[in-house]
């Protein structure tokens, strides 16, 4: 009989929603056994198809008094005979950059193009609020016992909710791109109610892209103010032409393309980005030393890009870091990503630590003292375009 003296689980990735100990079946648990629960975890004892006692972070000695629910079920006092159970360790951190994408097209009625079949993709984040409810509803009722099974189940809930929302909206294709934030907010409310029933909180939901068929896209592109972002070269050139300071006379922007001083301040660089945003139509969310830019890559496609002004290189020189997320890191793809780096323009694949998890990004760094409007625009648009293409490839 498999007997546990010490029960614990350490998650080295920061991406594990649920882990079962033992991985199969149950184990004999004797009085005095030690339960170790890490920070950002809860431990849920599971027996007879339902969650029982719950423990928070810390080291716990298992006694009758510390397991009141389980102890009431046992016919034999377990200080004389061990009882059989398993333990689910539930991660309480925020799980970010969970991708969603429509497997089947969604049909909407557009006032100009008639019935149109759309595909979409984006990201969402969630956290566990009630570990015992999660274990009862998903593990006990649905039989999903691994992180992969649970995240796939949640992804189906997100896609189903978004499909219903997009199919029922009265927005036409031309208006939909400008309403991504409103649609995402409505979806958060709708889908968040379903998450709450599972002991979860939907903390964020982003719509990155909604794509009509190619012939409809071409018709929209012909009338769009923004030209279709058909490839990185044409899109970057178009954005650069509209950027202040990209003309032959750099003084046209009011800011020299190369500073005449030995260095330039963060405020000057931020002003260059504001000027570029004003000309190209980017939206900016300013937050001290890190900004979030939202770029329109086409009538129905948006991409978030982050700009961090607080970094330095190994020599202590200030750098401007420009990056966009590409989802969770899959170590098995590391070699393929390194090979792909040889083709990336203005940036490279990198890994950053965000809210306790490793996140894959495309990142480009510029020296703050020499950054100019054109270089900033090239890097921002290249990072946005390439991150969006990676998302499309991952969800296709």
Protein backbone atom coordinates (compact mmCIF):
# COMPACT_ATOMS: atom_id res chain seq x y z
CA UNK A 1 0.00 0.00 0.00
CA UNK A 2 1.37 3.41 -1.03
CA UNK A 3 1.76 5.50 2.14
CA UNK A 4 2.52 9.22 2.34
CA UNK A 5 4.61 10.65 5.20
CA UNK A 6 5.19 14.06 3.58
CA UNK A 7 2.73 15.50 1.05
CA UNK A 8 3.84 18.45 -1.08
CA UNK A 9 4.11 19.76 -4.64
CA UNK A 10 6.58 22.35 -5.98
CA UNK A 11 5.68 23.97 -9.31
CA UNK A 12 8.92 25.02 -11.08
CA UNK A 13 7.07 26.56 -14.05
CA UNK A 14 4.51 28.75 -12.29
CA UNK A 15 1.96 27.56 -14.89
CA UNK A 16 0.34 24.61 -13.10
CA UNK A 17 -3.32 25.07 -12.27
CA UNK A 18 -3.88 21.71 -10.57
CA UNK A 19 -1.53 18.87 -9.61
CA UNK A 20 -2.68 15.61 -8.03
CA UNK A 21 -0.75 13.68 -5.37
CA UNK A 22 -0.46 10.78 -6.01
CA UNK A 23 -0.85 11.13 -9.77
CA UNK A 24 -3.10 8.05 -9.94
CA UNK A 25 -5.37 6.40 -7.41
CA UNK A 26 -5.15 7.23 -3.71
CA UNK A 27 -2.56 6.95 -0.97
CA UNK A 28 -2.67 5.84 2.66
CA UNK A 29 -2.41 8.84 4.98
CA UNK A 30 -1.44 8.19 8.59
CA UNK A 31 -1.96 10.45 11.59
CA UNK A 32 0.95 12.88 11.98
CA UNK A 33 1.75 13.05 8.25
CA UNK A 34 3.15 16.41 7.13
CA UNK A 35 1.40 18.53 4.50
CA UNK A 36 3.50 21.32 2.97
CA UNK A 37 1.64 23.96 0.94
CA UNK A 38 3.70 26.52 -1.01
CA UNK A 39 2.93 30.20 -1.40
CA UNK A 40 0.24 30.84 -4.04
CA UNK A 41 -1.16 27.35 -3.43
CA UNK A 42 -4.05 25.66 -1.66
CA UNK A 43 -4.25 21.93 -0.95
CA UNK A 44 -7.63 20.19 -1.26
CA UNK A 45 -8.21 16.68 0.10
CA UNK A 46 -10.37 14.64 -2.28
CA UNK A 47 -12.28 11.47 -1.45
CA UNK A 48 -15.44 9.74 -2.67
CA UNK A 49 -15.79 12.08 -5.65
CA UNK A 50 -15.80 15.40 -3.82
CA UNK A 51 -13.52 17.98 -2.23
CA UNK A 52 -13.10 17.84 1.51
CA UNK A 53 -10.76 19.82 3.78
CA UNK A 54 -8.74 22.76 2.36
CA UNK A 55 -5.34 24.00 3.58
CA UNK A 56 -3.56 27.28 2.81
CA UNK A 57 0.21 27.98 2.59
CA UNK A 58 2.36 26.58 5.38
CA UNK A 59 3.37 23.31 7.03
CA UNK A 60 0.51 21.33 8.54
CA UNK A 61 0.48 18.25 10.77
CA UNK A 62 -2.48 16.09 9.80
CA UNK A 63 -4.59 15.23 12.85
CA UNK A 64 -8.26 14.51 13.44
CA UNK A 65 -8.76 18.14 14.49
CA UNK A 66 -7.20 19.51 11.27
CA UNK A 67 -9.32 17.28 8.99
CA UNK A 68 -12.85 17.65 10.41
CA UNK A 69 -14.73 16.87 7.17
CA UNK A 70 -12.73 13.76 6.34
CA UNK A 71 -12.70 12.52 9.92
CA UNK A 72 -16.51 12.50 10.07
CA UNK A 73 -16.64 10.16 7.05
CA UNK A 74 -14.25 7.56 8.42
CA UNK A 75 -15.72 4.48 10.08
CA UNK A 76 -12.41 3.55 11.72
CA UNK A 77 -10.54 6.19 13.76
CA UNK A 78 -7.58 7.03 11.57
CA UNK A 79 -5.18 7.38 14.46
CA UNK A 80 -5.21 3.55 14.39
CA UNK A 81 -5.62 2.90 10.66
CA UNK A 82 -4.57 5.18 7.78
CA UNK A 83 -7.28 6.41 5.43
CA UNK A 84 -7.21 6.52 1.61
CA UNK A 85 -7.41 9.87 -0.20
CA UNK A 86 -5.60 12.05 -2.71
CA UNK A 87 -4.61 15.71 -2.53
CA UNK A 88 -5.01 18.34 -5.23
CA UNK A 89 -2.57 21.25 -5.10
CA UNK A 90 -4.25 24.26 -6.73
CA UNK A 91 -2.24 27.28 -7.97
CA UNK A 92 -3.66 30.61 -6.76
CA UNK A 93 -1.47 32.86 -8.92
CA UNK A 94 -2.82 34.71 -11.97
CA UNK A 95 -2.51 32.63 -15.14
CA UNK A 96 -1.77 35.07 -17.97
CA UNK A 97 -1.58 34.92 -21.77
CA UNK A 98 -3.95 31.98 -22.22
CA UNK A 99 -4.69 31.89 -25.94
CA UNK A 100 -8.16 31.47 -27.45
CA UNK A 101 -9.18 31.02 -31.07
CA UNK A 102 -12.30 30.03 -32.97
CA UNK A 103 -12.09 26.49 -34.37
CA UNK A 104 -15.11 27.04 -36.61
CA UNK A 105 -16.12 30.32 -38.31
CA UNK A 106 -18.79 32.48 -36.67
CA UNK A 107 -21.55 33.74 -38.96
CA UNK A 108 -22.68 37.34 -38.50
CA UNK A 109 -25.04 39.52 -40.54
CA UNK A 110 -23.23 42.56 -41.93
CA UNK A 111 -25.42 45.38 -43.38
CA UNK A 112 -23.07 45.82 -46.34
CA UNK A 113 -21.65 42.37 -47.06
CA UNK A 114 -24.56 40.20 -45.87
CA UNK A 115 -23.85 36.93 -44.05
CA UNK A 116 -20.11 36.81 -43.29
CA UNK A 117 -18.14 34.02 -41.60
CA UNK A 118 -15.56 35.32 -39.15
CA UNK A 119 -12.62 33.83 -37.31
CA UNK A 120 -11.03 35.42 -34.27
CA UNK A 121 -8.31 34.94 -31.69
CA UNK A 122 -6.91 36.65 -28.62
CA UNK A 123 -5.82 36.06 -25.03
CA UNK A 124 -7.31 35.83 -21.57
CA UNK A 125 -6.11 35.57 -17.98
CA UNK A 126 -7.67 34.00 -14.91
CA UNK A 127 -7.04 33.03 -11.31
CA UNK A 128 -8.54 30.54 -8.85
CA UNK A 129 -10.74 32.10 -6.15
CA UNK A 130 -12.27 28.96 -4.59
CA UNK A 131 -10.06 25.89 -4.84
CA UNK A 132 -12.63 23.46 -3.41
CA UNK A 133 -15.30 24.64 -5.88
CA UNK A 134 -12.86 24.25 -8.78
CA UNK A 135 -11.99 20.71 -7.69
CA UNK A 136 -15.66 19.77 -7.22
CA UNK A 137 -16.92 21.27 -10.49
CA UNK A 138 -14.09 20.42 -12.89
CA UNK A 139 -12.21 17.53 -11.31
CA UNK A 140 -15.12 15.79 -9.59
CA UNK A 141 -17.88 16.48 -12.13
CA UNK A 142 -15.95 16.77 -15.40
CA UNK A 143 -13.15 14.31 -14.64
CA UNK A 144 -10.45 16.76 -15.76
CA UNK A 145 -7.43 16.21 -13.57
CA UNK A 146 -4.51 17.83 -15.41
CA UNK A 147 -3.62 21.47 -16.11
CA UNK A 148 -3.84 20.85 -19.88
CA UNK A 149 -7.33 19.36 -19.60
CA UNK A 150 -8.53 22.24 -17.43
CA UNK A 151 -7.10 25.03 -19.62
CA UNK A 152 -8.55 23.39 -22.75
CA UNK A 153 -11.94 23.23 -21.04
CA UNK A 154 -11.71 26.92 -20.06
CA UNK A 155 -10.63 27.86 -23.58
CA UNK A 156 -13.77 26.20 -24.95
CA UNK A 157 -15.89 28.24 -22.52
CA UNK A 158 -14.19 31.47 -23.64
CA UNK A 159 -14.59 30.71 -27.35
CA UNK A 160 -18.22 29.67 -26.92
CA UNK A 161 -19.06 32.85 -25.02
CA UNK A 162 -17.28 35.07 -27.55
CA UNK A 163 -18.90 33.26 -30.48
CA UNK A 164 -22.36 33.88 -29.01
CA UNK A 165 -21.50 37.53 -28.37
CA UNK A 166 -20.09 38.21 -31.85
CA UNK A 167 -22.97 36.40 -33.54
CA UNK A 168 -25.57 38.41 -31.62
CA UNK A 169 -23.97 41.85 -31.98
CA UNK A 170 -25.49 44.33 -34.41
CA UNK A 171 -22.10 45.78 -35.32
CA UNK A 172 -20.98 45.66 -38.93
CA UNK A 173 -17.47 44.64 -39.91
CA UNK A 174 -16.38 48.23 -40.48
CA UNK A 175 -17.37 49.21 -36.92
CA UNK A 176 -16.21 46.05 -35.17
CA UNK A 177 -12.48 46.87 -35.10
CA UNK A 178 -13.11 50.13 -33.26
CA UNK A 179 -15.24 48.29 -30.71
CA UNK A 180 -12.79 45.55 -29.69
CA UNK A 181 -12.41 47.00 -26.19
CA UNK A 182 -16.19 47.28 -25.69
CA UNK A 183 -16.75 43.76 -27.03
CA UNK A 184 -14.01 42.38 -24.77
CA UNK A 185 -15.55 44.16 -21.75
CA UNK A 186 -18.99 42.69 -22.53
CA UNK A 187 -17.42 39.25 -23.00
CA UNK A 188 -15.62 39.51 -19.65
CA UNK A 189 -18.97 40.03 -17.91
CA UNK A 190 -20.72 37.24 -19.80
CA UNK A 191 -17.92 34.66 -19.55
CA UNK A 192 -16.90 35.81 -16.06
CA UNK A 193 -20.23 34.57 -14.71
CA UNK A 194 -19.47 31.08 -16.03
CA UNK A 195 -15.96 31.20 -14.58
CA UNK A 196 -17.36 32.23 -11.18
CA UNK A 197 -19.48 29.07 -11.06
CA UNK A 198 -16.22 27.08 -11.36
CA UNK A 199 -14.41 28.92 -8.55
CA UNK A 200 -12.48 31.12 -11.00
CA UNK A 201 -12.16 34.80 -11.82
CA UNK A 202 -11.70 35.92 -15.42
CA UNK A 203 -9.23 38.76 -14.81
CA UNK A 204 -8.62 39.84 -18.41
CA UNK A 205 -9.80 39.13 -21.93
CA UNK A 206 -8.35 40.58 -25.13
CA UNK A 207 -9.62 40.37 -28.70
CA UNK A 208 -6.54 40.59 -30.94
CA UNK A 209 -8.11 39.79 -34.27
CA UNK A 210 -11.42 39.14 -36.02
CA UNK A 211 -10.91 38.10 -39.66
CA UNK A 212 -13.51 37.91 -42.43
CA UNK A 213 -13.00 35.87 -45.63
CA UNK A 214 -10.28 37.11 -47.97
CA UNK A 215 -12.64 38.60 -50.55
CA UNK A 216 -14.45 40.64 -47.88
CA UNK A 217 -11.14 41.73 -46.37
CA UNK A 218 -9.96 42.98 -49.77
CA UNK A 219 -13.16 44.96 -50.25
CA UNK A 220 -12.72 46.57 -46.83
CA UNK A 221 -9.04 47.26 -47.44
CA UNK A 222 -9.90 49.21 -50.57
CA UNK A 223 -11.95 51.65 -48.51
CA UNK A 224 -9.88 51.66 -45.36
CA UNK A 225 -7.81 54.68 -44.36
CA UNK A 226 -5.15 52.28 -43.14
CA UNK A 227 -3.76 50.18 -45.97
CA UNK A 228 -4.02 46.44 -45.48
CA UNK A 229 -1.07 45.12 -43.48
CA UNK A 230 -0.22 42.46 -46.04
CA UNK A 231 3.45 42.15 -45.11
CA UNK A 232 5.92 43.55 -42.61
CA UNK A 233 7.88 45.54 -45.20
CA UNK A 234 4.93 47.48 -46.63
CA UNK A 235 3.35 48.05 -43.23
CA UNK A 236 6.57 49.36 -41.66
CA UNK A 237 7.31 51.62 -44.63
CA UNK A 238 3.78 53.05 -44.51
CA UNK A 239 3.99 53.76 -40.77
CA UNK A 240 7.48 55.24 -41.07
CA UNK A 241 6.39 57.65 -43.81
CA UNK A 242 3.77 59.10 -41.47
CA UNK A 243 6.18 59.42 -38.55
CA UNK A 244 7.42 62.92 -37.66
CA UNK A 245 11.11 63.25 -38.39
CA UNK A 246 11.27 60.61 -41.11
CA UNK A 247 11.59 63.15 -43.92
CA UNK A 248 14.91 64.26 -45.34
CA UNK A 249 14.78 67.29 -43.03
CA UNK A 250 14.52 65.76 -39.56
CA UNK A 251 13.72 69.11 -38.01
CA UNK A 252 10.17 68.87 -39.41
CA UNK A 253 9.05 67.05 -36.25
CA UNK A 254 10.42 69.67 -33.90
CA UNK A 255 12.76 67.02 -32.49
CA UNK A 256 16.06 66.21 -34.11
CA UNK A 257 16.37 62.63 -35.36
CA UNK A 258 19.73 62.44 -33.59
CA UNK A 259 20.20 64.41 -30.45
CA UNK A 260 22.78 67.15 -30.67
CA UNK A 261 23.60 66.54 -27.02
CA UNK A 262 25.42 63.58 -25.52
CA UNK A 263 22.15 62.18 -24.19
CA UNK A 264 18.41 62.71 -24.36
CA UNK A 265 15.89 62.40 -21.56
CA UNK A 266 13.18 59.80 -21.17
CA UNK A 267 10.63 62.60 -21.54
CA UNK A 268 12.04 63.45 -24.98
CA UNK A 269 11.79 59.82 -26.11
CA UNK A 270 8.25 59.61 -24.78
CA UNK A 271 7.35 62.74 -26.71
CA UNK A 272 8.72 61.16 -29.90
CA UNK A 273 6.40 58.19 -29.34
CA UNK A 274 3.42 60.48 -28.65
CA UNK A 275 4.11 62.33 -31.91
CA UNK A 276 4.38 59.04 -33.82
CA UNK A 277 1.14 57.82 -32.24
CA UNK A 278 -0.62 60.99 -33.25
CA UNK A 279 0.40 60.49 -36.87
CA UNK A 280 -0.17 56.72 -37.10
CA UNK A 281 -3.31 56.31 -34.98
CA UNK A 282 -1.80 54.24 -32.16
CA UNK A 283 -3.46 54.49 -28.76
CA UNK A 284 -1.26 54.87 -25.67
CA UNK A 285 -1.85 53.80 -22.07
CA UNK A 286 0.83 55.66 -20.10
CA UNK A 287 1.96 54.21 -16.78
CA UNK A 288 5.15 55.79 -15.41
CA UNK A 289 8.11 53.88 -16.89
CA UNK A 290 6.09 51.35 -18.92
CA UNK A 291 3.59 52.22 -21.64
CA UNK A 292 1.20 50.03 -23.59
CA UNK A 293 0.58 50.92 -27.24
CA UNK A 294 -2.29 49.45 -29.28
CA UNK A 295 -1.62 49.33 -33.02
CA UNK A 296 -4.19 48.70 -35.74
CA UNK A 297 -2.65 46.22 -38.19
CA UNK A 298 -5.75 46.23 -40.37
CA UNK A 299 -9.46 47.03 -40.14
CA UNK A 300 -10.13 44.10 -37.79
CA UNK A 301 -6.72 43.43 -36.24
CA UNK A 302 -5.08 45.04 -33.22
CA UNK A 303 -1.88 44.27 -31.34
CA UNK A 304 -0.60 45.50 -27.98
CA UNK A 305 3.06 46.52 -27.68
CA UNK A 306 4.77 47.42 -24.40
CA UNK A 307 7.50 50.06 -24.11
CA UNK A 308 9.71 50.02 -21.00
CA UNK A 309 11.89 53.08 -20.33
CA UNK A 310 13.49 51.85 -17.08
CA UNK A 311 16.12 49.37 -18.31
CA UNK A 312 19.89 49.54 -18.75
CA UNK A 313 22.41 47.40 -20.59
CA UNK A 314 25.40 45.65 -18.97
CA UNK A 315 27.45 48.85 -19.21
CA UNK A 316 24.76 50.87 -17.46
CA UNK A 317 23.53 52.73 -20.56
CA UNK A 318 19.80 53.44 -20.62
CA UNK A 319 17.78 51.36 -23.07
CA UNK A 320 14.22 51.49 -24.37
CA UNK A 321 12.74 47.99 -24.46
CA UNK A 322 9.90 47.33 -26.91
CA UNK A 323 8.11 44.00 -26.67
CA UNK A 324 4.88 42.09 -27.34
CA UNK A 325 3.78 38.80 -25.82
CA UNK A 326 3.51 35.59 -27.84
CA UNK A 327 1.96 33.37 -25.13
CA UNK A 328 3.37 30.89 -22.65
CA UNK A 329 6.88 29.54 -23.07
CA UNK A 330 7.11 25.98 -24.42
CA UNK A 331 10.64 24.78 -23.70
CA UNK A 332 10.27 22.06 -26.35
CA UNK A 333 10.16 24.77 -29.03
CA UNK A 334 13.29 26.62 -27.84
CA UNK A 335 15.55 25.42 -30.69
CA UNK A 336 12.94 26.28 -33.34
CA UNK A 337 12.56 29.77 -31.84
CA UNK A 338 16.32 30.36 -31.93
CA UNK A 339 16.41 29.35 -35.58
CA UNK A 340 13.49 31.66 -36.30
CA UNK A 341 15.37 34.56 -34.67
CA UNK A 342 17.58 34.70 -37.77
CA UNK A 343 14.56 35.91 -39.79
CA UNK A 344 13.16 38.44 -37.31
CA UNK A 345 13.46 42.14 -38.15
CA UNK A 346 14.04 44.69 -35.34
CA UNK A 347 13.91 42.30 -32.38
CA UNK A 348 14.22 38.68 -31.31
CA UNK A 349 12.42 36.05 -29.26
CA UNK A 350 13.06 36.42 -25.54
CA UNK A 351 11.65 35.20 -22.22
CA UNK A 352 10.44 37.51 -19.47
CA UNK A 353 9.08 36.77 -16.03
CA UNK A 354 5.53 38.09 -15.60
CA UNK A 355 3.41 37.42 -12.51
CA UNK A 356 5.36 34.30 -11.56
CA UNK A 357 5.40 32.66 -15.00
CA UNK A 358 7.80 32.57 -17.96
CA UNK A 359 6.28 34.38 -20.95
CA UNK A 360 7.54 34.28 -24.55
CA UNK A 361 7.91 37.73 -26.17
CA UNK A 362 9.35 39.37 -29.26
CA UNK A 363 11.60 42.13 -27.94
CA UNK A 364 13.76 44.86 -29.38
CA UNK A 365 16.09 47.10 -27.34
CA UNK A 366 17.25 50.58 -28.41
CA UNK A 367 19.88 52.78 -26.82
CA UNK A 368 17.98 55.66 -25.25
CA UNK A 369 20.69 58.22 -26.06
CA UNK A 370 20.56 57.57 -29.82
CA UNK A 371 16.92 56.56 -30.39
CA UNK A 372 15.14 58.68 -32.99
CA UNK A 373 11.50 58.85 -34.17
CA UNK A 374 12.06 56.70 -37.26
CA UNK A 375 13.96 53.99 -35.37
CA UNK A 376 11.29 53.90 -32.65
CA UNK A 377 8.50 53.59 -35.23
CA UNK A 378 10.30 50.85 -37.17
CA UNK A 379 10.89 48.78 -34.05
CA UNK A 380 7.40 49.23 -32.59
CA UNK A 381 5.64 48.32 -35.83
CA UNK A 382 7.96 45.39 -36.55
CA UNK A 383 7.46 43.92 -33.07
CA UNK A 384 3.67 44.35 -33.35
CA UNK A 385 3.46 42.77 -36.79
CA UNK A 386 5.68 39.78 -35.95
CA UNK A 387 3.96 39.04 -32.61
CA UNK A 388 0.59 39.07 -34.38
CA UNK A 389 1.88 36.65 -37.03
CA UNK A 390 3.16 34.26 -34.34
CA UNK A 391 -0.27 34.32 -32.64
CA UNK A 392 -1.92 33.51 -35.97
CA UNK A 393 0.46 30.58 -36.60
CA UNK A 394 -0.03 29.15 -33.08
CA UNK A 395 -3.83 29.22 -33.39
CA UNK A 396 -4.11 28.11 -37.01
